[in-house]
Amino acid sequence: MTSKENSEKPRKTRDEILKRLKLELPETNLYSLAAKYEIPIEIDGKKNKGWVGQTIEKAAGLSISSAQLTDGIDCELKTTSLVLKKNRWFPKETIKVTQLNPKQILSESFEESILWRKLSRLVFVGVHHVSPTECYAVQLGALDLSDPDLVGPIRAFWEDVQSNILTGDMVHFFNLGNSQELIQLRPVGDGKQWSTCPITGEKFPARAFYATKILIEKMLQRNVWEPMVG
């Protein structure tokens, strides 16, 4: 499918996506679902690292695309691996939300920012890898937009990033935020990608906003439906 054809394909609403996932995912081995949708587990003898996300996108009725477009009309779908500890699911890794655009962030408000647009629409599927041939979707989470204890710190962090760019100080930081906060800003890729400070013109490593495990845990606590498997 061409990028033009992909962009013209009708996109689904959040409710439509959730309805499809609720029908397709509960107690279904994602390896079997991948076979159903002809998603390769291996490519040229190597593990296809994106097979889980691609399978869930297909189950949701979405087109598989690497384009930087919101997956649905009013939501964006992501997946993350979970581990079970003391009857609670915990994330194994952080989630990349969006890459920092140093010039654009200076002309945005928090409510208009790419970061908030992505986070506020984020729906993610938590998956559990039982064995090399078994993987199940176990939870679905989303951000509670009405919780000031979540929104406030995210806003403050974004404003701190904006301020550091405005003063030209961003080039002096490697990371912003830590694993105990809700959001981090850290370098992406192999370290060969660079951004330019719009104030000083200096180059610095390209960075992206990541949702920390702490934030993902809080989103898991706001399950958008009952756990999908027992």
Protein backbone atom coordinates (compact mmCIF):
# COMPACT_ATOMS: atom_id res chain seq x y z
CA MET A 1 0.00 0.00 0.00
CA THR A 2 1.40 3.42 -0.90
CA SER A 3 1.65 6.25 1.63
CA LYS A 4 -1.07 8.10 -0.27
CA GLU A 5 -3.40 5.10 -0.16
CA ASN A 6 -2.62 4.60 3.52
CA SER A 7 -3.41 8.24 4.37
CA GLU A 8 -6.69 8.08 2.45
CA LYS A 9 -7.90 4.94 4.25
CA PRO A 10 -10.69 5.87 6.74
CA ARG A 11 -9.26 6.12 10.24
CA LYS A 12 -11.05 4.72 13.26
CA THR A 13 -12.20 6.41 16.45
CA ARG A 14 -10.93 5.44 19.89
CA ASP A 15 -14.22 3.67 20.68
CA GLU A 16 -14.05 1.69 17.43
CA ILE A 17 -10.47 0.65 18.16
CA LEU A 18 -11.28 -0.41 21.72
CA LYS A 19 -14.30 -2.39 20.54
CA ARG A 20 -12.19 -4.28 18.00
CA LEU A 21 -9.44 -4.99 20.52
CA LYS A 22 -11.92 -6.21 23.12
CA LEU A 23 -13.25 -8.71 20.60
CA GLU A 24 -9.89 -9.83 19.20
CA LEU A 25 -7.44 -9.88 22.10
CA PRO A 26 -8.80 -11.54 25.26
CA GLU A 27 -7.15 -14.91 25.91
CA THR A 28 -5.77 -15.01 22.37
CA ASN A 29 -2.17 -16.02 21.78
CA LEU A 30 -0.66 -13.16 19.77
CA TYR A 31 1.51 -15.67 17.90
CA SER A 32 -1.68 -17.21 16.51
CA LEU A 33 -3.11 -13.78 15.78
CA ALA A 34 0.08 -12.82 13.93
CA ALA A 35 -0.33 -15.88 11.72
CA LYS A 36 -3.96 -14.93 11.06
CA TYR A 37 -2.93 -11.46 9.88
CA GLU A 38 0.20 -12.74 8.11
CA ILE A 39 2.57 -10.73 10.32
CA PRO A 40 6.06 -12.29 10.18
CA ILE A 41 7.59 -13.23 13.54
CA GLU A 42 10.99 -13.48 11.84
CA ILE A 43 12.43 -11.68 8.83
CA ASP A 44 15.53 -13.13 7.14
CA GLY A 45 16.14 -15.36 10.14
CA LYS A 46 15.99 -12.51 12.66
CA LYS A 47 13.23 -11.65 15.10
CA ASN A 48 10.84 -9.00 13.80
CA LYS A 49 10.95 -6.65 16.80
CA GLY A 50 7.76 -4.91 15.75
CA TRP A 51 5.59 -7.99 15.28
CA VAL A 52 3.57 -7.53 18.49
CA GLY A 53 2.69 -3.91 17.74
CA GLN A 54 1.93 -4.73 14.11
CA THR A 55 -0.33 -7.60 15.13
CA ILE A 56 -2.27 -5.43 17.58
CA GLU A 57 -2.61 -2.66 14.97
CA LYS A 58 -4.13 -5.20 12.59
CA ALA A 59 -6.42 -6.51 15.33
CA ALA A 60 -7.57 -2.92 15.91
CA GLY A 61 -8.41 -2.57 12.22
CA LEU A 62 -5.57 -0.13 11.56
CA SER A 63 -3.05 0.01 8.74
CA ILE A 64 0.55 -0.77 9.63
CA SER A 65 2.53 2.40 9.04
CA SER A 66 5.75 3.99 10.24
CA ALA A 67 4.40 7.45 9.38
CA GLN A 68 4.22 9.97 12.24
CA LEU A 69 0.42 10.02 12.19
CA THR A 70 -2.04 9.41 14.97
CA ASP A 71 -3.23 5.82 14.59
CA GLY A 72 -6.89 6.66 15.16
CA ILE A 73 -8.93 9.80 14.73
CA ASP A 74 -8.74 10.60 18.44
CA CYS A 75 -6.18 8.15 19.84
CA GLU A 76 -2.74 6.66 19.33
CA LEU A 77 -2.05 3.01 20.01
CA LYS A 78 1.15 1.69 21.57
CA THR A 79 2.23 -1.59 23.14
CA THR A 80 4.50 -2.39 26.07
CA SER A 81 5.71 -5.56 27.79
CA LEU A 82 4.52 -6.23 31.35
CA VAL A 83 5.60 -8.48 34.21
CA LEU A 84 3.36 -9.71 37.02
CA LYS A 85 4.51 -8.96 40.59
CA LYS A 86 2.32 -9.49 43.64
CA ASN A 87 -0.82 -9.68 41.49
CA ARG A 88 -0.04 -6.37 39.73
CA TRP A 89 1.25 -5.71 36.24
CA PHE A 90 4.39 -3.59 35.93
CA PRO A 91 6.03 -2.28 32.72
CA LYS A 92 9.41 -3.66 31.67
CA GLU A 93 10.40 -0.55 29.73
CA THR A 94 9.67 3.10 29.07
CA ILE A 95 7.65 4.29 26.07
CA LYS A 96 8.87 6.83 23.55
CA VAL A 97 6.11 9.42 23.11
CA THR A 98 7.48 11.92 20.59
CA GLN A 99 10.72 13.51 19.46
CA LEU A 100 11.61 17.01 20.59
CA ASN A 101 11.36 19.74 17.96
CA PRO A 102 13.37 22.60 19.57
CA LYS A 103 12.04 25.28 17.23
CA GLN A 104 8.40 24.24 17.32
CA ILE A 105 8.18 23.95 21.11
CA LEU A 106 8.95 27.67 21.44
CA SER A 107 5.79 28.58 19.51
CA GLU A 108 3.49 26.15 21.35
CA SER A 109 1.52 26.25 24.56
CA PHE A 110 1.42 23.08 26.62
CA GLU A 111 -2.18 22.35 25.58
CA GLU A 112 -1.20 22.73 21.90
CA SER A 113 2.09 20.83 22.19
CA ILE A 114 2.88 17.64 20.33
CA LEU A 115 3.77 15.99 23.64
CA TRP A 116 0.38 16.66 25.22
CA ARG A 117 -1.53 15.83 22.05
CA LYS A 118 0.23 12.45 21.94
CA LEU A 119 -0.06 11.70 25.66
CA SER A 120 -3.68 12.77 26.00
CA ARG A 121 -4.67 10.45 23.15
CA LEU A 122 -2.45 7.55 24.11
CA VAL A 123 -4.01 4.13 24.56
CA PHE A 124 -1.59 1.29 25.16
CA VAL A 125 -1.85 -2.46 25.25
CA GLY A 126 0.19 -4.23 27.90
CA VAL A 127 1.40 -7.67 26.80
CA HIS A 128 2.89 -10.58 28.71
CA HIS A 129 5.40 -12.93 27.06
CA VAL A 130 4.67 -16.32 28.65
CA SER A 131 7.11 -18.37 26.56
CA PRO A 132 8.93 -18.21 23.19
CA THR A 133 5.66 -19.24 21.52
CA GLU A 134 3.06 -17.60 23.78
CA CYS A 135 2.26 -13.92 24.24
CA TYR A 136 -1.01 -12.42 25.49
CA ALA A 137 -2.50 -8.94 25.81
CA VAL A 138 -3.39 -8.53 29.48
CA GLN A 139 -4.29 -4.89 30.06
CA LEU A 140 -5.26 -1.70 28.32
CA GLY A 141 -4.36 1.67 29.84
CA ALA A 142 -4.84 5.39 29.28
CA LEU A 143 -3.97 8.69 30.95
CA ASP A 144 -6.50 10.15 33.39
CA LEU A 145 -6.80 13.66 31.95
CA SER A 146 -8.80 14.87 34.96
CA ASP A 147 -6.09 14.01 37.51
CA PRO A 148 -4.12 17.18 38.44
CA ASP A 149 -1.45 15.03 40.13
CA LEU A 150 -0.66 13.59 36.70
CA VAL A 151 -1.27 16.54 34.42
CA GLY A 152 0.45 19.12 36.66
CA PRO A 153 3.91 17.49 36.75
CA ILE A 154 3.80 16.75 33.02
CA ARG A 155 2.96 20.40 32.29
CA ALA A 156 5.74 21.61 34.61
CA PHE A 157 8.28 19.32 32.95
CA TRP A 158 7.28 20.49 29.45
CA GLU A 159 7.54 24.14 30.54
CA ASP A 160 11.01 23.46 32.00
CA VAL A 161 12.13 22.03 28.64
CA GLN A 162 10.69 25.03 26.81
CA SER A 163 12.48 27.40 29.20
CA ASN A 164 15.83 25.61 28.76
CA ILE A 165 15.54 25.92 25.00
CA LEU A 166 14.50 29.57 25.22
CA THR A 167 17.57 30.42 27.33
CA GLY A 168 19.90 28.35 25.16
CA ASP A 169 20.73 26.00 28.07
CA MET A 170 19.45 22.80 26.46
CA VAL A 171 22.83 22.08 24.86
CA HIS A 172 24.33 21.70 28.36
CA PHE A 173 22.02 18.85 29.40
CA PHE A 174 22.29 15.20 28.45
CA ASN A 175 19.03 14.09 30.09
CA LEU A 176 16.19 15.98 31.69
CA GLY A 177 14.08 14.16 34.24
CA ASN A 178 14.75 10.82 35.93
CA SER A 179 13.10 7.43 36.28
CA GLN A 180 11.15 8.52 39.37
CA GLU A 181 9.36 11.26 37.46
CA LEU A 182 6.54 10.90 34.93
CA ILE A 183 8.38 12.12 31.84
CA GLN A 184 12.01 12.06 30.72
CA LEU A 185 13.79 13.79 27.86
CA ARG A 186 16.78 11.82 26.65
CA PRO A 187 18.85 11.19 23.49
CA VAL A 188 17.47 8.91 20.80
CA GLY A 189 18.99 6.54 18.27
CA ASP A 190 22.68 5.84 17.94
CA GLY A 191 23.79 9.30 19.02
CA LYS A 192 24.38 10.41 15.44
CA GLN A 193 21.14 12.41 15.20
CA TRP A 194 21.44 16.09 16.02
CA SER A 195 19.16 19.02 16.75
CA THR A 196 19.92 22.73 16.52
CA CYS A 197 19.24 25.19 19.30
CA PRO A 198 17.02 27.92 17.74
CA ILE A 199 18.52 30.51 20.11
CA THR A 200 22.28 29.88 19.92
CA GLY A 201 22.54 27.84 16.73
CA GLU A 202 24.54 25.19 18.61
CA LYS A 203 24.13 21.49 17.83
CA PHE A 204 23.11 18.99 20.50
CA PRO A 205 22.04 15.30 20.47
CA ALA A 206 18.48 14.81 19.26
CA ARG A 207 16.15 13.94 22.11
CA ALA A 208 12.70 12.48 22.66
CA PHE A 209 10.11 12.57 25.42
CA TYR A 210 9.63 9.20 27.14
CA ALA A 211 6.85 8.08 29.46
CA THR A 212 8.61 6.53 32.47
CA LYS A 213 7.61 3.26 34.10
CA ILE A 214 6.05 5.32 36.90
CA LEU A 215 3.66 7.02 34.45
CA ILE A 216 2.86 3.75 32.69
CA GLU A 217 2.01 2.15 36.04
CA LYS A 218 -0.37 5.02 36.78
CA MET A 219 -2.00 4.59 33.38
CA LEU A 220 -2.38 0.86 34.05
CA GLN A 221 -4.22 1.67 37.26
CA ARG A 222 -6.82 3.40 35.09
CA ASN A 223 -7.66 0.31 33.07
CA VAL A 224 -10.08 1.27 30.29
CA TRP A 225 -11.75 -2.10 30.66
CA GLU A 226 -11.47 -5.07 32.97
CA PRO A 227 -8.27 -7.15 32.69
CA MET A 228 -8.45 -9.13 29.49
CA VAL A 229 -7.24 -12.41 30.98
CA GLY A 230 -7.35 -13.85 34.45
